[in-house]
Amino acid sequence: MTIPLVVGLFIKYQRLERKMVIGGVDVIATKRKRKREKRKQMEDKRIKLKMVKTDADAAHAQSMELLGLNTMYSSTYTDTDVITLEYQSQNRLDFPTLARECDRY
């Protein structure tokens, strides 16, 4: 079986002498990939924020329980002490929100 000259040259060029060329950037695929990455980052931020809020809520509830137990067993607390402790815990829990709001502007 003989191979035609043109086909033989084509095969020889394809297998031996062919120069590799890198194509251009696929713009559409790059945009999709960036969108996916951005969406994933935003979802991670939302999850992290939700976890911070639930941790803060749990810490606040726990501090209020401890405050309630302390006020039940000890009459040394006054109303101003209770308000001060509640105010301090609220300020401590709102710092992530405050920082996020400050970063916005």
N, C-alpha and C. Protein backbone atom coordinates (compact mmCIF):
# COMPACT_ATOMS: atom_id res chain seq x y z
N MET A 1 0.84 -1.17 0.00
CA MET A 1 0.00 0.00 0.00
C MET A 1 0.89 1.24 0.00
N THR A 2 0.69 2.07 -0.96
CA THR A 2 1.50 3.28 -1.07
C THR A 2 0.71 4.48 -0.57
N ILE A 3 1.41 5.35 0.09
CA ILE A 3 0.77 6.56 0.61
C ILE A 3 1.06 7.68 -0.38
N PRO A 4 0.04 8.40 -0.77
CA PRO A 4 0.27 9.52 -1.69
C PRO A 4 1.27 10.51 -1.09
N LEU A 5 1.98 11.19 -1.96
CA LEU A 5 3.04 12.10 -1.54
C LEU A 5 2.51 13.22 -0.64
N VAL A 6 1.37 13.78 -0.97
CA VAL A 6 0.81 14.89 -0.19
C VAL A 6 0.46 14.42 1.22
N VAL A 7 -0.16 13.24 1.31
CA VAL A 7 -0.53 12.69 2.61
C VAL A 7 0.72 12.35 3.42
N GLY A 8 1.73 11.82 2.76
CA GLY A 8 2.98 11.49 3.44
C GLY A 8 3.65 12.72 4.00
N LEU A 9 3.70 13.80 3.20
CA LEU A 9 4.28 15.05 3.69
C LEU A 9 3.49 15.61 4.87
N PHE A 10 2.16 15.53 4.77
CA PHE A 10 1.30 16.01 5.85
C PHE A 10 1.59 15.25 7.15
N ILE A 11 1.66 13.94 7.07
CA ILE A 11 1.92 13.11 8.25
C ILE A 11 3.31 13.40 8.81
N LYS A 12 4.30 13.54 7.92
CA LYS A 12 5.65 13.84 8.36
C LYS A 12 5.70 15.19 9.08
N TYR A 13 5.05 16.19 8.51
CA TYR A 13 5.01 17.51 9.12
C TYR A 13 4.29 17.45 10.46
N GLN A 14 3.18 16.73 10.50
CA GLN A 14 2.37 16.66 11.71
C GLN A 14 3.12 15.97 12.85
N ARG A 15 3.89 14.95 12.54
CA ARG A 15 4.55 14.17 13.59
C ARG A 15 5.94 14.67 13.95
N LEU A 16 6.67 15.27 13.04
CA LEU A 16 8.06 15.59 13.30
C LEU A 16 8.35 17.09 13.40
N GLU A 17 7.93 17.84 12.44
CA GLU A 17 8.37 19.22 12.33
C GLU A 17 7.35 20.23 12.83
N ARG A 18 6.27 19.78 13.34
CA ARG A 18 5.18 20.69 13.69
C ARG A 18 5.58 21.60 14.86
N LYS A 19 5.35 22.85 14.70
CA LYS A 19 5.61 23.83 15.75
C LYS A 19 4.32 24.03 16.55
N MET A 20 4.47 23.97 17.88
CA MET A 20 3.30 24.15 18.74
C MET A 20 3.02 25.63 18.91
N VAL A 21 1.78 25.97 18.88
CA VAL A 21 1.37 27.36 19.04
C VAL A 21 0.30 27.40 20.13
N ILE A 22 0.48 28.32 21.07
CA ILE A 22 -0.51 28.49 22.12
C ILE A 22 -1.54 29.49 21.63
N GLY A 23 -2.80 29.12 21.77
CA GLY A 23 -3.87 29.99 21.34
C GLY A 23 -4.08 31.15 22.30
N GLY A 24 -4.96 32.04 21.92
CA GLY A 24 -5.28 33.19 22.75
C GLY A 24 -6.10 32.81 23.97
N VAL A 25 -6.36 33.79 24.81
CA VAL A 25 -7.14 33.58 26.02
C VAL A 25 -8.61 33.46 25.65
N ASP A 26 -9.26 32.46 26.22
CA ASP A 26 -10.69 32.28 26.00
C ASP A 26 -11.43 33.24 26.93
N VAL A 27 -11.90 34.35 26.38
CA VAL A 27 -12.49 35.42 27.17
C VAL A 27 -13.77 34.96 27.86
N ILE A 28 -14.61 34.24 27.16
CA ILE A 28 -15.89 33.81 27.72
C ILE A 28 -15.67 32.86 28.90
N ALA A 29 -14.78 31.90 28.72
CA ALA A 29 -14.50 30.95 29.80
C ALA A 29 -13.85 31.66 30.99
N THR A 30 -13.00 32.64 30.72
CA THR A 30 -12.37 33.39 31.80
C THR A 30 -13.40 34.17 32.60
N LYS A 31 -14.36 34.80 31.91
CA LYS A 31 -15.42 35.53 32.61
C LYS A 31 -16.25 34.59 33.47
N ARG A 32 -16.59 33.43 32.94
CA ARG A 32 -17.37 32.46 33.71
C ARG A 32 -16.61 32.04 34.97
N LYS A 33 -15.32 31.77 34.78
CA LYS A 33 -14.51 31.33 35.92
C LYS A 33 -14.42 32.42 36.98
N ARG A 34 -14.23 33.67 36.57
CA ARG A 34 -14.16 34.78 37.52
C ARG A 34 -15.49 34.95 38.25
N LYS A 35 -16.60 34.83 37.51
CA LYS A 35 -17.92 34.94 38.14
C LYS A 35 -18.10 33.86 39.19
N ARG A 36 -17.73 32.62 38.83
CA ARG A 36 -17.86 31.50 39.77
C ARG A 36 -17.03 31.75 41.03
N GLU A 37 -15.79 32.21 40.84
CA GLU A 37 -14.91 32.47 41.98
C GLU A 37 -15.47 33.59 42.86
N LYS A 38 -15.98 34.64 42.21
CA LYS A 38 -16.54 35.76 42.97
C LYS A 38 -17.78 35.30 43.74
N ARG A 39 -18.63 34.51 43.10
CA ARG A 39 -19.83 33.99 43.75
C ARG A 39 -19.45 33.13 44.96
N LYS A 40 -18.43 32.30 44.78
CA LYS A 40 -17.98 31.43 45.88
C LYS A 40 -17.42 32.27 47.03
N GLN A 41 -16.65 33.30 46.72
CA GLN A 41 -16.11 34.17 47.76
C GLN A 41 -17.23 34.87 48.53
N MET A 42 -18.24 35.36 47.79
CA MET A 42 -19.36 36.03 48.46
C MET A 42 -20.12 35.05 49.34
N GLU A 43 -20.30 33.82 48.88
CA GLU A 43 -20.99 32.81 49.68
C GLU A 43 -20.19 32.49 50.93
N ASP A 44 -18.86 32.40 50.80
CA ASP A 44 -18.01 32.16 51.96
C ASP A 44 -18.12 33.30 52.97
N LYS A 45 -18.16 34.55 52.45
CA LYS A 45 -18.32 35.70 53.34
C LYS A 45 -19.65 35.64 54.07
N ARG A 46 -20.72 35.30 53.33
CA ARG A 46 -22.05 35.20 53.95
C ARG A 46 -22.07 34.14 55.04
N ILE A 47 -21.46 33.00 54.75
CA ILE A 47 -21.43 31.91 55.74
C ILE A 47 -20.63 32.34 56.96
N LYS A 48 -19.48 32.98 56.72
CA LYS A 48 -18.64 33.43 57.83
C LYS A 48 -19.38 34.47 58.68
N LEU A 49 -20.08 35.40 58.01
CA LEU A 49 -20.84 36.42 58.72
C LEU A 49 -21.97 35.79 59.53
N LYS A 50 -22.64 34.81 58.93
CA LYS A 50 -23.72 34.13 59.63
C LYS A 50 -23.17 33.40 60.86
N MET A 51 -22.00 32.78 60.71
CA MET A 51 -21.39 32.09 61.85
C MET A 51 -21.01 33.07 62.94
N VAL A 52 -20.48 34.24 62.56
CA VAL A 52 -20.12 35.26 63.55
C VAL A 52 -21.37 35.73 64.28
N LYS A 53 -22.45 35.95 63.53
CA LYS A 53 -23.69 36.40 64.16
C LYS A 53 -24.24 35.34 65.11
N THR A 54 -24.22 34.08 64.69
CA THR A 54 -24.75 33.04 65.58
C THR A 54 -23.85 32.87 66.79
N ASP A 55 -22.53 32.98 66.61
CA ASP A 55 -21.61 32.93 67.75
C ASP A 55 -21.85 34.11 68.68
N ALA A 56 -22.07 35.29 68.08
CA ALA A 56 -22.32 36.48 68.88
C ALA A 56 -23.64 36.34 69.63
N ASP A 57 -24.66 35.84 68.96
CA ASP A 57 -25.95 35.64 69.62
C ASP A 57 -25.83 34.63 70.76
N ALA A 58 -25.09 33.57 70.53
CA ALA A 58 -24.90 32.56 71.58
C ALA A 58 -24.13 33.14 72.76
N ALA A 59 -23.09 33.93 72.46
CA ALA A 59 -22.30 34.55 73.52
C ALA A 59 -23.16 35.54 74.30
N HIS A 60 -23.98 36.29 73.58
CA HIS A 60 -24.86 37.26 74.23
C HIS A 60 -25.86 36.54 75.13
N ALA A 61 -26.45 35.47 74.62
CA ALA A 61 -27.42 34.70 75.41
C ALA A 61 -26.74 34.11 76.64
N GLN A 62 -25.54 33.60 76.46
CA GLN A 62 -24.81 33.01 77.58
C GLN A 62 -24.47 34.08 78.62
N SER A 63 -24.03 35.25 78.17
CA SER A 63 -23.70 36.32 79.12
C SER A 63 -24.95 36.79 79.85
N MET A 64 -26.08 36.82 79.15
CA MET A 64 -27.33 37.22 79.80
C MET A 64 -27.76 36.16 80.81
N GLU A 65 -27.55 34.88 80.50
CA GLU A 65 -27.87 33.82 81.46
C GLU A 65 -27.00 33.95 82.70
N LEU A 66 -25.70 34.15 82.48
CA LEU A 66 -24.79 34.31 83.62
C LEU A 66 -25.16 35.54 84.43
N LEU A 67 -25.52 36.60 83.74
CA LEU A 67 -25.93 37.82 84.43
C LEU A 67 -27.19 37.55 85.25
N GLY A 68 -28.13 36.81 84.67
CA GLY A 68 -29.35 36.47 85.38
C GLY A 68 -29.06 35.61 86.59
N LEU A 69 -28.16 34.62 86.44
CA LEU A 69 -27.80 33.77 87.58
C LEU A 69 -27.10 34.58 88.66
N ASN A 70 -26.22 35.46 88.25
CA ASN A 70 -25.50 36.28 89.22
C ASN A 70 -26.44 37.20 89.97
N THR A 71 -27.42 37.76 89.28
CA THR A 71 -28.34 38.67 89.95
C THR A 71 -29.28 37.90 90.87
N MET A 72 -29.57 36.64 90.54
CA MET A 72 -30.44 35.85 91.40
C MET A 72 -29.72 35.50 92.70
N TYR A 73 -28.44 35.15 92.63
CA TYR A 73 -27.71 34.68 93.80
C TYR A 73 -27.04 35.81 94.57
N SER A 74 -26.90 36.94 93.96
CA SER A 74 -26.21 38.02 94.64
C SER A 74 -27.04 39.29 94.53
N SER A 75 -27.22 39.94 95.63
CA SER A 75 -28.00 41.18 95.61
C SER A 75 -27.08 42.39 95.52
N THR A 76 -25.80 42.18 95.26
CA THR A 76 -24.85 43.30 95.19
C THR A 76 -24.97 44.05 93.87
N TYR A 77 -25.55 43.43 92.84
CA TYR A 77 -25.75 44.12 91.57
C TYR A 77 -26.88 45.12 91.71
N THR A 78 -26.67 46.26 91.11
CA THR A 78 -27.75 47.25 91.04
C THR A 78 -28.25 47.28 89.62
N ASP A 79 -29.30 48.05 89.39
CA ASP A 79 -29.84 48.16 88.04
C ASP A 79 -28.83 48.77 87.08
N THR A 80 -28.04 49.71 87.56
CA THR A 80 -27.04 50.33 86.68
C THR A 80 -25.96 49.33 86.31
N ASP A 81 -25.59 48.42 87.22
CA ASP A 81 -24.61 47.39 86.90
C ASP A 81 -25.13 46.46 85.82
N VAL A 82 -26.39 46.09 85.92
CA VAL A 82 -27.00 45.21 84.93
C VAL A 82 -27.02 45.90 83.58
N ILE A 83 -27.41 47.16 83.56
CA ILE A 83 -27.46 47.92 82.30
C ILE A 83 -26.05 48.06 81.74
N THR A 84 -25.07 48.34 82.60
CA THR A 84 -23.68 48.50 82.15
C THR A 84 -23.16 47.20 81.55
N LEU A 85 -23.39 46.08 82.22
CA LEU A 85 -22.92 44.80 81.70
C LEU A 85 -23.60 44.46 80.38
N GLU A 86 -24.89 44.73 80.29
CA GLU A 86 -25.60 44.45 79.04
C GLU A 86 -25.08 45.35 77.93
N TYR A 87 -24.83 46.63 78.25
CA TYR A 87 -24.32 47.58 77.27
C TYR A 87 -22.93 47.16 76.80
N GLN A 88 -22.06 46.73 77.73
CA GLN A 88 -20.72 46.30 77.36
C GLN A 88 -20.76 45.08 76.45
N SER A 89 -21.62 44.14 76.77
CA SER A 89 -21.69 42.94 75.94
C SER A 89 -22.22 43.28 74.55
N GLN A 90 -23.16 44.22 74.48
CA GLN A 90 -23.68 44.61 73.17
C GLN A 90 -22.60 45.30 72.36
N ASN A 91 -21.82 46.16 72.98
CA ASN A 91 -20.75 46.83 72.25
C ASN A 91 -19.71 45.84 71.77
N ARG A 92 -19.38 44.88 72.57
CA ARG A 92 -18.37 43.90 72.21
C ARG A 92 -18.84 43.06 71.03
N LEU A 93 -20.11 42.75 70.98
CA LEU A 93 -20.62 41.88 69.93
C LEU A 93 -20.81 42.62 68.61
N ASP A 94 -20.93 43.93 68.65
CA ASP A 94 -21.21 44.67 67.43
C ASP A 94 -19.95 45.15 66.72
N PHE A 95 -18.76 44.87 67.23
CA PHE A 95 -17.55 45.33 66.57
C PHE A 95 -17.37 44.79 65.15
N PRO A 96 -17.66 43.53 64.86
CA PRO A 96 -17.53 43.09 63.46
C PRO A 96 -18.45 43.87 62.53
N THR A 97 -19.66 44.15 63.00
CA THR A 97 -20.59 44.92 62.18
C THR A 97 -20.08 46.34 62.01
N LEU A 98 -19.59 46.93 63.09
CA LEU A 98 -19.06 48.29 63.03
C LEU A 98 -17.87 48.37 62.07
N ALA A 99 -16.97 47.41 62.16
CA ALA A 99 -15.80 47.40 61.27
C ALA A 99 -16.22 47.26 59.81
N ARG A 100 -17.20 46.41 59.56
CA ARG A 100 -17.67 46.22 58.19
C ARG A 100 -18.30 47.50 57.66
N GLU A 101 -19.07 48.19 58.50
CA GLU A 101 -19.69 49.44 58.08
C GLU A 101 -18.65 50.52 57.84
N CYS A 102 -17.62 50.57 58.68
CA CYS A 102 -16.56 51.57 58.49
C CYS A 102 -15.79 51.30 57.20
N ASP A 103 -15.58 50.05 56.87
CA ASP A 103 -14.86 49.70 55.65
C ASP A 103 -15.65 50.04 54.41
N ARG A 104 -16.97 50.11 54.53
CA ARG A 104 -17.80 50.43 53.37
C ARG A 104 -17.55 51.85 52.88
N TYR A 105 -17.26 52.78 53.80
CA TYR A 105 -17.16 54.19 53.45
C TYR A 105 -15.78 54.67 53.51
